[in-house]
Amino acid sequence: MAKAQLKNGPKSNPKVQHKEESESLKGTMASVMFLGFFIIVTWLGVYFLFVDRF
């Protein structure tokens, strides 16, 4: 059976870890905004195509 091991090294700095997570989330936010914009433009295009036919 595996035994749990404790890390005896220096404690990680929470501020540094928080900064790295924040930088990662900026890219995530940009990707989500781009994807949302693409979906909205696609739906508007399909809607106007539908309206134009009738």
Foldseek 3Di string as FASTA:
>chain_A
DDDDDDDPDDDDDVVVVVVVVVVVVVVVVVVVVVVVVVVVVVVVVVVVVVVVVD
